[in-house]
Amino acid sequence: MSSSILEALTQPGVIIAVVGASDNPDKFGHAIYRDLKRKGYRVFPVNPNRETVDGDRAYPTIQSLPYSPDIVNLSVPPEASLAVARECLRIGMMDIWLQPGAENDIVLNYLQENGFNYVAGACIMLKTRRAR
């Protein structure tokens, strides 16, 4: 688990992109986006299939965000996680949080081989309970 990412969660003004944010209550991206927002984090929803999430403008890609996130949180299937990780590498976003289920061996190997700082196998909602 990357200590730099965990440390970032304690910093005021940290920006988190939630890839897979949704208004569908059956999706983890729904709970994660609202939970981080409720806790006072500056969050941006990333979902190419939505105009808005929880009344906030949604963005189709990480690169389209108005601000550079400190942490890219992935709440999508592993195939989409790999595509987002490739986008992040191209634009220099190296801090990724993989929600449980967003990773597989291919994604984890890609992150390791390319020098990402990442967290896998832990839910950001649980870790942020202690961070603030």
Protein backbone atom coordinates (compact mmCIF):
# COMPACT_ATOMS: atom_id res chain seq x y z
CA MET A 1 0.00 0.00 0.00
CA SER A 2 1.47 3.33 -1.06
CA SER A 3 2.13 5.50 1.96
CA SER A 4 2.31 8.63 -0.24
CA ILE A 5 -1.27 8.09 -1.40
CA LEU A 6 -2.46 7.46 2.14
CA GLU A 7 -0.62 10.60 3.26
CA ALA A 8 -2.29 12.61 0.46
CA LEU A 9 -5.69 11.72 1.92
CA THR A 10 -4.80 13.72 5.04
CA GLN A 11 -3.82 16.86 3.14
CA PRO A 12 -6.23 19.78 2.80
CA GLY A 13 -7.25 20.45 -0.77
CA VAL A 14 -6.41 16.97 -2.08
CA ILE A 15 -8.19 16.35 -5.38
CA ILE A 16 -9.58 12.91 -6.16
CA ALA A 17 -10.90 11.79 -9.54
CA VAL A 18 -13.46 9.00 -9.17
CA VAL A 19 -13.46 6.97 -12.38
CA GLY A 20 -16.73 5.10 -12.62
CA ALA A 21 -18.70 7.63 -10.56
CA SER A 22 -22.38 7.06 -11.14
CA ASP A 23 -25.91 7.92 -10.07
CA ASN A 24 -26.78 4.21 -10.08
CA PRO A 25 -27.13 3.18 -6.41
CA ASP A 26 -26.17 -0.40 -7.35
CA LYS A 27 -22.66 0.71 -8.42
CA PHE A 28 -19.71 1.22 -6.09
CA GLY A 29 -18.85 4.41 -7.99
CA HIS A 30 -22.11 5.84 -6.68
CA ALA A 31 -21.25 5.21 -3.02
CA ILE A 32 -17.59 6.19 -3.32
CA TYR A 33 -18.24 9.52 -5.05
CA ARG A 34 -20.88 10.59 -2.54
CA ASP A 35 -18.91 9.36 0.45
CA LEU A 36 -15.77 11.30 -0.48
CA LYS A 37 -17.81 14.39 -1.31
CA ARG A 38 -19.66 14.18 2.02
CA LYS A 39 -16.33 13.91 3.85
CA GLY A 40 -15.24 17.19 2.29
CA TYR A 41 -12.82 15.93 -0.33
CA ARG A 42 -12.59 17.78 -3.61
CA VAL A 43 -13.82 15.11 -6.01
CA PHE A 44 -14.45 15.01 -9.73
CA PRO A 45 -16.60 12.33 -11.36
CA VAL A 46 -15.13 10.66 -14.44
CA ASN A 47 -17.60 8.72 -16.54
CA PRO A 48 -17.81 9.00 -20.35
CA ASN A 49 -21.44 7.83 -20.25
CA ARG A 50 -22.78 10.55 -17.92
CA GLU A 51 -23.27 14.30 -18.22
CA THR A 52 -23.58 14.70 -14.44
CA VAL A 53 -23.13 12.68 -11.26
CA ASP A 54 -24.91 13.77 -8.09
CA GLY A 55 -25.69 17.07 -9.82
CA ASP A 56 -22.00 17.73 -10.59
CA ARG A 57 -20.56 17.91 -14.09
CA ALA A 58 -19.03 14.58 -15.10
CA TYR A 59 -15.92 14.36 -17.28
CA PRO A 60 -15.29 11.74 -19.96
CA THR A 61 -11.57 11.25 -19.23
CA ILE A 62 -8.89 12.09 -16.68
CA GLN A 63 -7.29 14.45 -19.20
CA SER A 64 -10.54 16.44 -19.54
CA LEU A 65 -10.65 17.37 -15.84
CA PRO A 66 -10.30 21.08 -15.03
CA TYR A 67 -7.70 20.30 -12.34
CA SER A 68 -5.02 17.68 -12.07
CA PRO A 69 -6.06 15.10 -9.45
CA ASP A 70 -3.71 14.00 -6.71
CA ILE A 71 -5.32 10.55 -6.67
CA VAL A 72 -7.14 8.70 -9.44
CA ASN A 73 -9.63 6.30 -7.83
CA LEU A 74 -10.78 3.47 -10.09
CA SER A 75 -14.16 1.90 -9.53
CA VAL A 76 -14.47 0.16 -12.88
CA PRO A 77 -13.80 -3.36 -14.25
CA PRO A 78 -10.14 -4.33 -14.76
CA GLU A 79 -10.27 -3.82 -18.55
CA ALA A 80 -11.33 -0.20 -18.03
CA SER A 81 -8.77 0.19 -15.22
CA LEU A 82 -6.00 -0.76 -17.64
CA ALA A 83 -7.20 1.80 -20.20
CA VAL A 84 -7.32 4.52 -17.54
CA ALA A 85 -3.87 3.54 -16.24
CA ARG A 86 -2.50 3.93 -19.77
CA GLU A 87 -4.10 7.38 -20.02
CA CYS A 88 -2.65 8.30 -16.63
CA LEU A 89 0.85 7.23 -17.69
CA ARG A 90 0.61 9.33 -20.87
CA ILE A 91 -0.26 12.46 -18.88
CA GLY A 92 1.92 11.79 -15.85
CA MET A 93 -0.72 10.89 -13.23
CA MET A 94 1.09 8.27 -11.20
CA ASP A 95 -1.04 7.90 -8.04
CA ILE A 96 -3.84 5.36 -8.50
CA TRP A 97 -6.25 3.76 -6.05
CA LEU A 98 -7.82 0.52 -7.32
CA GLN A 99 -11.06 -0.31 -5.58
CA PRO A 100 -11.54 -4.03 -4.89
CA GLY A 101 -12.61 -5.61 -8.17
CA ALA A 102 -10.96 -2.94 -10.33
CA GLU A 103 -7.71 -4.88 -10.48
CA ASN A 104 -6.40 -8.09 -11.94
CA ASP A 105 -2.88 -9.42 -12.54
CA ILE A 106 -2.57 -7.60 -15.86
CA VAL A 107 -3.46 -4.23 -14.31
CA LEU A 108 -1.21 -4.76 -11.28
CA ASN A 109 1.71 -5.82 -13.47
CA TYR A 110 1.22 -2.74 -15.67
CA LEU A 111 1.26 -0.44 -12.65
CA GLN A 112 4.37 -2.10 -11.23
CA GLU A 113 6.25 -2.16 -14.53
CA ASN A 114 5.58 1.53 -15.12
CA GLY A 115 6.46 2.81 -11.65
CA PHE A 116 3.03 3.87 -10.43
CA ASN A 117 2.30 4.57 -6.79
CA TYR A 118 -0.86 2.62 -6.13
CA VAL A 119 -3.19 1.13 -3.57
CA ALA A 120 -5.03 -2.11 -4.34
CA GLY A 121 -7.24 -4.38 -2.29
CA ALA A 122 -8.52 -1.65 0.03
CA CYS A 123 -11.60 0.56 -0.13
CA ILE A 124 -10.94 4.30 -0.09
CA MET A 125 -14.15 4.84 1.90
CA LEU A 126 -12.73 2.85 4.81
CA LYS A 127 -9.29 4.46 4.67
CA THR A 128 -10.74 7.98 4.60
CA ARG A 129 -12.58 7.34 7.84
CA ARG A 130 -9.21 7.47 9.57
CA ALA A 131 -7.52 10.02 7.32
CA ARG A 132 -9.54 13.06 8.31
